[in-house]
Amino acid sequence: MRVEVDRDRCEGNAVCLGIAPDIFDLDENDYAVVKLDPVPEGQEELAEQSIAECPRAALTQK
């Protein structure tokens, strides 16, 4: 699976980073970035949880 960050929606709340620090990070502007593309099979559940819990719905599965 792949995850995409909508930079227009992301506020840098870092909820995704708290859930899945191996998958997500923050860039120099504090926007979420995906470190693993595609997301490894063993971490897909964490990616899906991050998508579901993003307060700005800035993450989508591709």
PDB file of N, CA and C in Angstrom:
ATOM      1  N   MET A   1       0.838  -1.174   0.000  1.00  0.00           N
ATOM      2  CA  MET A   1       0.000   0.000   0.000  1.00  0.00           C
ATOM      3  C   MET A   1       0.880   1.233   0.000  1.00  0.00           C
ATOM      4  N   ARG A   2       0.332   2.301  -0.486  1.00  0.00           N
ATOM      5  CA  ARG A   2       1.023   3.592  -0.489  1.00  0.00           C
ATOM      6  C   ARG A   2       0.146   4.606   0.230  1.00  0.00           C
ATOM      7  N   VAL A   3       0.788   5.568   0.883  1.00  0.00           N
ATOM      8  CA  VAL A   3       0.070   6.621   1.594  1.00  0.00           C
ATOM      9  C   VAL A   3       0.518   7.953   1.009  1.00  0.00           C
ATOM     10  N   GLU A   4      -0.451   8.842   0.835  1.00  0.00           N
ATOM     11  CA  GLU A   4      -0.167  10.176   0.306  1.00  0.00           C
ATOM     12  C   GLU A   4      -0.570  11.219   1.338  1.00  0.00           C
ATOM     13  N   VAL A   5       0.239  12.277   1.460  1.00  0.00           N
ATOM     14  CA  VAL A   5      -0.042  13.380   2.373  1.00  0.00           C
ATOM     15  C   VAL A   5      -0.530  14.565   1.552  1.00  0.00           C
ATOM     16  N   ASP A   6      -1.699  15.086   1.896  1.00  0.00           N
ATOM     17  CA  ASP A   6      -2.216  16.298   1.271  1.00  0.00           C
ATOM     18  C   ASP A   6      -1.650  17.482   2.059  1.00  0.00           C
ATOM     19  N   ARG A   7      -0.664  18.134   1.489  1.00  0.00           N
ATOM     20  CA  ARG A   7       0.022  19.224   2.190  1.00  0.00           C
ATOM     21  C   ARG A   7      -0.882  20.436   2.408  1.00  0.00           C
ATOM     22  N   ASP A   8      -1.953  20.545   1.651  1.00  0.00           N
ATOM     23  CA  ASP A   8      -2.902  21.641   1.868  1.00  0.00           C
ATOM     24  C   ASP A   8      -3.749  21.406   3.113  1.00  0.00           C
ATOM     25  N   ARG A   9      -3.899  20.148   3.495  1.00  0.00           N
ATOM     26  CA  ARG A   9      -4.708  19.809   4.676  1.00  0.00           C
ATOM     27  C   ARG A   9      -3.861  19.593   5.937  1.00  0.00           C
ATOM     28  N   CYS A  10      -2.635  19.131   5.760  1.00  0.00           N
ATOM     29  CA  CYS A  10      -1.776  18.801   6.900  1.00  0.00           C
ATOM     30  C   CYS A  10      -1.462  20.051   7.717  1.00  0.00           C
ATOM     31  N   GLU A  11      -1.607  19.923   9.032  1.00  0.00           N
ATOM     32  CA  GLU A  11      -1.271  21.007   9.961  1.00  0.00           C
ATOM     33  C   GLU A  11      -0.053  20.673  10.805  1.00  0.00           C
ATOM     34  N   GLY A  12       0.547  19.517  10.588  1.00  0.00           N
ATOM     35  CA  GLY A  12       1.712  19.133  11.358  1.00  0.00           C
ATOM     36  C   GLY A  12       1.377  18.712  12.767  1.00  0.00           C
ATOM     37  N   ASN A  13       0.184  18.163  12.984  1.00  0.00           N
ATOM     38  CA  ASN A  13      -0.209  17.702  14.313  1.00  0.00           C
ATOM     39  C   ASN A  13       0.594  16.493  14.774  1.00  0.00           C
ATOM     40  N   ALA A  14       1.186  15.785  13.835  1.00  0.00           N
ATOM     41  CA  ALA A  14       2.074  14.647  14.089  1.00  0.00           C
ATOM     42  C   ALA A  14       1.381  13.452  14.733  1.00  0.00           C
ATOM     43  N   VAL A  15       0.073  13.344  14.579  1.00  0.00           N
ATOM     44  CA  VAL A  15      -0.641  12.168  15.071  1.00  0.00           C
ATOM     45  C   VAL A  15      -0.093  10.926  14.370  1.00  0.00           C
ATOM     46  N   CYS A  16       0.107  11.029  13.065  1.00  0.00           N
ATOM     47  CA  CYS A  16       0.634   9.898  12.292  1.00  0.00           C
ATOM     48  C   CYS A  16       2.016   9.484  12.789  1.00  0.00           C
ATOM     49  N   LEU A  17       2.830  10.451  13.098  1.00  0.00           N
ATOM     50  CA  LEU A  17       4.177  10.176  13.604  1.00  0.00           C
ATOM     51  C   LEU A  17       4.106   9.468  14.953  1.00  0.00           C
ATOM     52  N   GLY A  18       3.170   9.850  15.785  1.00  0.00           N
ATOM     53  CA  GLY A  18       3.000   9.190  17.073  1.00  0.00           C
ATOM     54  C   GLY A  18       2.542   7.748  16.943  1.00  0.00           C
ATOM     55  N   ILE A  19       1.735   7.472  15.927  1.00  0.00           N
ATOM     56  CA  ILE A  19       1.221   6.117  15.706  1.00  0.00           C
ATOM     57  C   ILE A  19       2.247   5.252  14.990  1.00  0.00           C
ATOM     58  N   ALA A  20       2.885   5.822  13.970  1.00  0.00           N
ATOM     59  CA  ALA A  20       3.765   5.024  13.109  1.00  0.00           C
ATOM     60  C   ALA A  20       5.059   5.781  12.786  1.00  0.00           C
ATOM     61  N   PRO A  21       5.949   5.901  13.761  1.00  0.00           N
ATOM     62  CA  PRO A  21       7.180   6.667  13.535  1.00  0.00           C
ATOM     63  C   PRO A  21       8.127   6.061  12.501  1.00  0.00           C
ATOM     64  N   ASP A  22       7.963   4.776  12.210  1.00  0.00           N
ATOM     65  CA  ASP A  22       8.788   4.164  11.174  1.00  0.00           C
ATOM     66  C   ASP A  22       8.296   4.520   9.771  1.00  0.00           C
ATOM     67  N   ILE A  23       7.039   4.944   9.672  1.00  0.00           N
ATOM     68  CA  ILE A  23       6.438   5.258   8.375  1.00  0.00           C
ATOM     69  C   ILE A  23       6.456   6.757   8.096  1.00  0.00           C
ATOM     70  N   PHE A  24       6.207   7.568   9.123  1.00  0.00           N
ATOM     71  CA  PHE A  24       6.048   9.008   8.939  1.00  0.00           C
ATOM     72  C   PHE A  24       7.124   9.808   9.663  1.00  0.00           C
ATOM     73  N   ASP A  25       7.341  11.006   9.162  1.00  0.00           N
ATOM     74  CA  ASP A  25       8.239  11.965   9.796  1.00  0.00           C
ATOM     75  C   ASP A  25       7.684  13.347   9.484  1.00  0.00           C
ATOM     76  N   LEU A  26       8.283  14.371  10.059  1.00  0.00           N
ATOM     77  CA  LEU A  26       7.923  15.751   9.741  1.00  0.00           C
ATOM     78  C   LEU A  26       9.068  16.388   8.974  1.00  0.00           C
ATOM     79  N   ASP A  27       8.726  17.192   7.971  1.00  0.00           N
ATOM     80  CA  ASP A  27       9.771  17.882   7.213  1.00  0.00           C
ATOM     81  C   ASP A  27      10.161  19.175   7.923  1.00  0.00           C
ATOM     82  N   GLU A  28      10.995  19.971   7.295  1.00  0.00           N
ATOM     83  CA  GLU A  28      11.501  21.208   7.913  1.00  0.00           C
ATOM     84  C   GLU A  28      10.397  22.232   8.174  1.00  0.00           C
ATOM     85  N   ASN A  29       9.241  22.065   7.534  1.00  0.00           N
ATOM     86  CA  ASN A  29       8.100  22.959   7.755  1.00  0.00           C
ATOM     87  C   ASN A  29       7.051  22.330   8.659  1.00  0.00           C
ATOM     88  N   ASP A  30       7.395  21.211   9.282  1.00  0.00           N
ATOM     89  CA  ASP A  30       6.506  20.474  10.185  1.00  0.00           C
ATOM     90  C   ASP A  30       5.281  19.872   9.500  1.00  0.00           C
ATOM     91  N   TYR A  31       5.413  19.534   8.224  1.00  0.00           N
ATOM     92  CA  TYR A  31       4.381  18.791   7.521  1.00  0.00           C
ATOM     93  C   TYR A  31       4.767  17.319   7.512  1.00  0.00           C
ATOM     94  N   ALA A  32       3.767  16.465   7.564  1.00  0.00           N
ATOM     95  CA  ALA A  32       4.027  15.032   7.527  1.00  0.00           C
ATOM     96  C   ALA A  32       4.602  14.624   6.175  1.00  0.00           C
ATOM     97  N   VAL A  33       5.526  13.691   6.226  1.00  0.00           N
ATOM     98  CA  VAL A  33       6.082  13.076   5.022  1.00  0.00           C
ATOM     99  C   VAL A  33       6.109  11.569   5.249  1.00  0.00           C
ATOM    100  N   VAL A  34       5.972  10.847   4.161  1.00  0.00           N
ATOM    101  CA  VAL A  34       6.001   9.383   4.206  1.00  0.00           C
ATOM    102  C   VAL A  34       7.434   8.930   3.977  1.00  0.00           C
ATOM    103  N   LYS A  35       7.985   8.188   4.930  1.00  0.00           N
ATOM    104  CA  LYS A  35       9.364   7.690   4.816  1.00  0.00           C
ATOM    105  C   LYS A  35       9.439   6.369   4.070  1.00  0.00           C
ATOM    106  N   LEU A  36       8.380   5.578   4.131  1.00  0.00           N
ATOM    107  CA  LEU A  36       8.385   4.250   3.507  1.00  0.00           C
ATOM    108  C   LEU A  36       7.325   4.201   2.414  1.00  0.00           C
ATOM    109  N   ASP A  37       7.760   4.105   1.183  1.00  0.00           N
ATOM    110  CA  ASP A  37       6.839   4.059   0.060  1.00  0.00           C
ATOM    111  C   ASP A  37       7.299   2.990  -0.914  1.00  0.00           C
ATOM    112  N   PRO A  38       6.614   1.882  -0.967  1.00  0.00           N
ATOM    113  CA  PRO A  38       5.351   1.566  -0.313  1.00  0.00           C
ATOM    114  C   PRO A  38       5.546   1.164   1.152  1.00  0.00           C
ATOM    115  N   VAL A  39       4.447   1.209   1.876  1.00  0.00           N
ATOM    116  CA  VAL A  39       4.454   0.793   3.277  1.00  0.00           C
ATOM    117  C   VAL A  39       4.637  -0.723   3.311  1.00  0.00           C
ATOM    118  N   PRO A  40       5.582  -1.215   4.102  1.00  0.00           N
ATOM    119  CA  PRO A  40       5.794  -2.661   4.187  1.00  0.00           C
ATOM    120  C   PRO A  40       4.544  -3.379   4.702  1.00  0.00           C
ATOM    121  N   GLU A  41       4.356  -4.582   4.236  1.00  0.00           N
ATOM    122  CA  GLU A  41       3.163  -5.367   4.574  1.00  0.00           C
ATOM    123  C   GLU A  41       2.928  -5.450   6.083  1.00  0.00           C
ATOM    124  N   GLY A  42       3.954  -5.598   6.864  1.00  0.00           N
ATOM    125  CA  GLY A  42       3.804  -5.730   8.314  1.00  0.00           C
ATOM    126  C   GLY A  42       3.424  -4.441   9.017  1.00  0.00           C
ATOM    127  N   GLN A  43       3.454  -3.305   8.311  1.00  0.00           N
ATOM    128  CA  GLN A  43       3.139  -2.021   8.935  1.00  0.00           C
ATOM    129  C   GLN A  43       1.884  -1.374   8.363  1.00  0.00           C
ATOM    130  N   GLU A  44       1.182  -2.100   7.502  1.00  0.00           N
ATOM    131  CA  GLU A  44      -0.009  -1.543   6.867  1.00  0.00           C
ATOM    132  C   GLU A  44      -1.096  -1.174   7.877  1.00  0.00           C
ATOM    133  N   GLU A  45      -1.245  -1.979   8.923  1.00  0.00           N
ATOM    134  CA  GLU A  45      -2.271  -1.689   9.931  1.00  0.00           C
ATOM    135  C   GLU A  45      -1.999  -0.350  10.619  1.00  0.00           C
ATOM    136  N   LEU A  46      -0.729  -0.066  10.914  1.00  0.00           N
ATOM    137  CA  LEU A  46      -0.378   1.223  11.528  1.00  0.00           C
ATOM    138  C   LEU A  46      -0.630   2.376  10.562  1.00  0.00           C
ATOM    139  N   ALA A  47      -0.357   2.160   9.294  1.00  0.00           N
ATOM    140  CA  ALA A  47      -0.628   3.198   8.292  1.00  0.00           C
ATOM    141  C   ALA A  47      -2.125   3.473   8.209  1.00  0.00           C
ATOM    142  N   GLU A  48      -2.925   2.416   8.213  1.00  0.00           N
ATOM    143  CA  GLU A  48      -4.379   2.574   8.160  1.00  0.00           C
ATOM    144  C   GLU A  48      -4.907   3.289   9.404  1.00  0.00           C
ATOM    145  N   GLN A  49      -4.328   2.993  10.558  1.00  0.00           N
ATOM    146  CA  GLN A  49      -4.730   3.676  11.791  1.00  0.00           C
ATOM    147  C   GLN A  49      -4.364   5.155  11.707  1.00  0.00           C
ATOM    148  N   SER A  50      -3.204   5.462  11.161  1.00  0.00           N
ATOM    149  CA  SER A  50      -2.779   6.854  10.999  1.00  0.00           C
ATOM    150  C   SER A  50      -3.729   7.607  10.082  1.00  0.00           C
ATOM    151  N   ILE A  51      -4.128   6.975   8.990  1.00  0.00           N
ATOM    152  CA  ILE A  51      -5.075   7.594   8.058  1.00  0.00           C
ATOM    153  C   ILE A  51      -6.399   7.883   8.771  1.00  0.00           C
ATOM    154  N   ALA A  52      -6.889   6.910   9.520  1.00  0.00           N
ATOM    155  CA  ALA A  52      -8.172   7.053  10.207  1.00  0.00           C
ATOM    156  C   ALA A  52      -8.142   8.118  11.294  1.00  0.00           C
ATOM    157  N   GLU A  53      -6.999   8.282  11.960  1.00  0.00           N
ATOM    158  CA  GLU A  53      -6.933   9.186  13.105  1.00  0.00           C
ATOM    159  C   GLU A  53      -6.376  10.572  12.778  1.00  0.00           C
ATOM    160  N   CYS A  54      -6.001  10.818  11.538  1.00  0.00           N
ATOM    161  CA  CYS A  54      -5.489  12.135  11.168  1.00  0.00           C
ATOM    162  C   CYS A  54      -6.590  13.179  11.395  1.00  0.00           C
ATOM    163  N   PRO A  55      -6.346  14.181  12.240  1.00  0.00           N
ATOM    164  CA  PRO A  55      -7.391  15.146  12.572  1.00  0.00           C
ATOM    165  C   PRO A  55      -7.814  16.025  11.402  1.00  0.00           C
ATOM    166  N   ARG A  56      -7.007  16.141  10.385  1.00  0.00           N
ATOM    167  CA  ARG A  56      -7.323  16.973   9.222  1.00  0.00           C
ATOM    168  C   ARG A  56      -7.607  16.138   7.974  1.00  0.00           C
ATOM    169  N   ALA A  57      -7.682  14.818   8.120  1.00  0.00           N
ATOM    170  CA  ALA A  57      -7.913  13.921   6.987  1.00  0.00           C
ATOM    171  C   ALA A  57      -6.921  14.223   5.853  1.00  0.00           C
ATOM    172  N   ALA A  58      -5.666  14.422   6.226  1.00  0.00           N
ATOM    173  CA  ALA A  58      -4.633  14.770   5.256  1.00  0.00           C
ATOM    174  C   ALA A  58      -3.941  13.548   4.666  1.00  0.00           C
ATOM    175  N   LEU A  59      -4.247  12.372   5.177  1.00  0.00           N
ATOM    176  CA  LEU A  59      -3.613  11.153   4.687  1.00  0.00           C
ATOM    177  C   LEU A  59      -4.627  10.316   3.918  1.00  0.00           C
ATOM    178  N   THR A  60      -4.194   9.803   2.782  1.00  0.00           N
ATOM    179  CA  THR A  60      -5.050   8.925   1.997  1.00  0.00           C
ATOM    180  C   THR A  60      -4.240   7.730   1.517  1.00  0.00           C
ATOM    181  N   GLN A  61      -4.937   6.638   1.351  1.00  0.00           N
ATOM    182  CA  GLN A  61      -4.304   5.438   0.806  1.00  0.00           C
ATOM    183  C   GLN A  61      -4.398   5.482  -0.699  1.00  0.00           C
ATOM    184  N   LYS A  62      -3.261   5.179  -1.360  1.00  0.00           N
ATOM    185  CA  LYS A  62      -3.252   5.173  -2.828  1.00  0.00           C
ATOM    186  C   LYS A  62      -3.315   3.745  -3.305  1.00  0.00           C
TER     187      LYS A  62
END
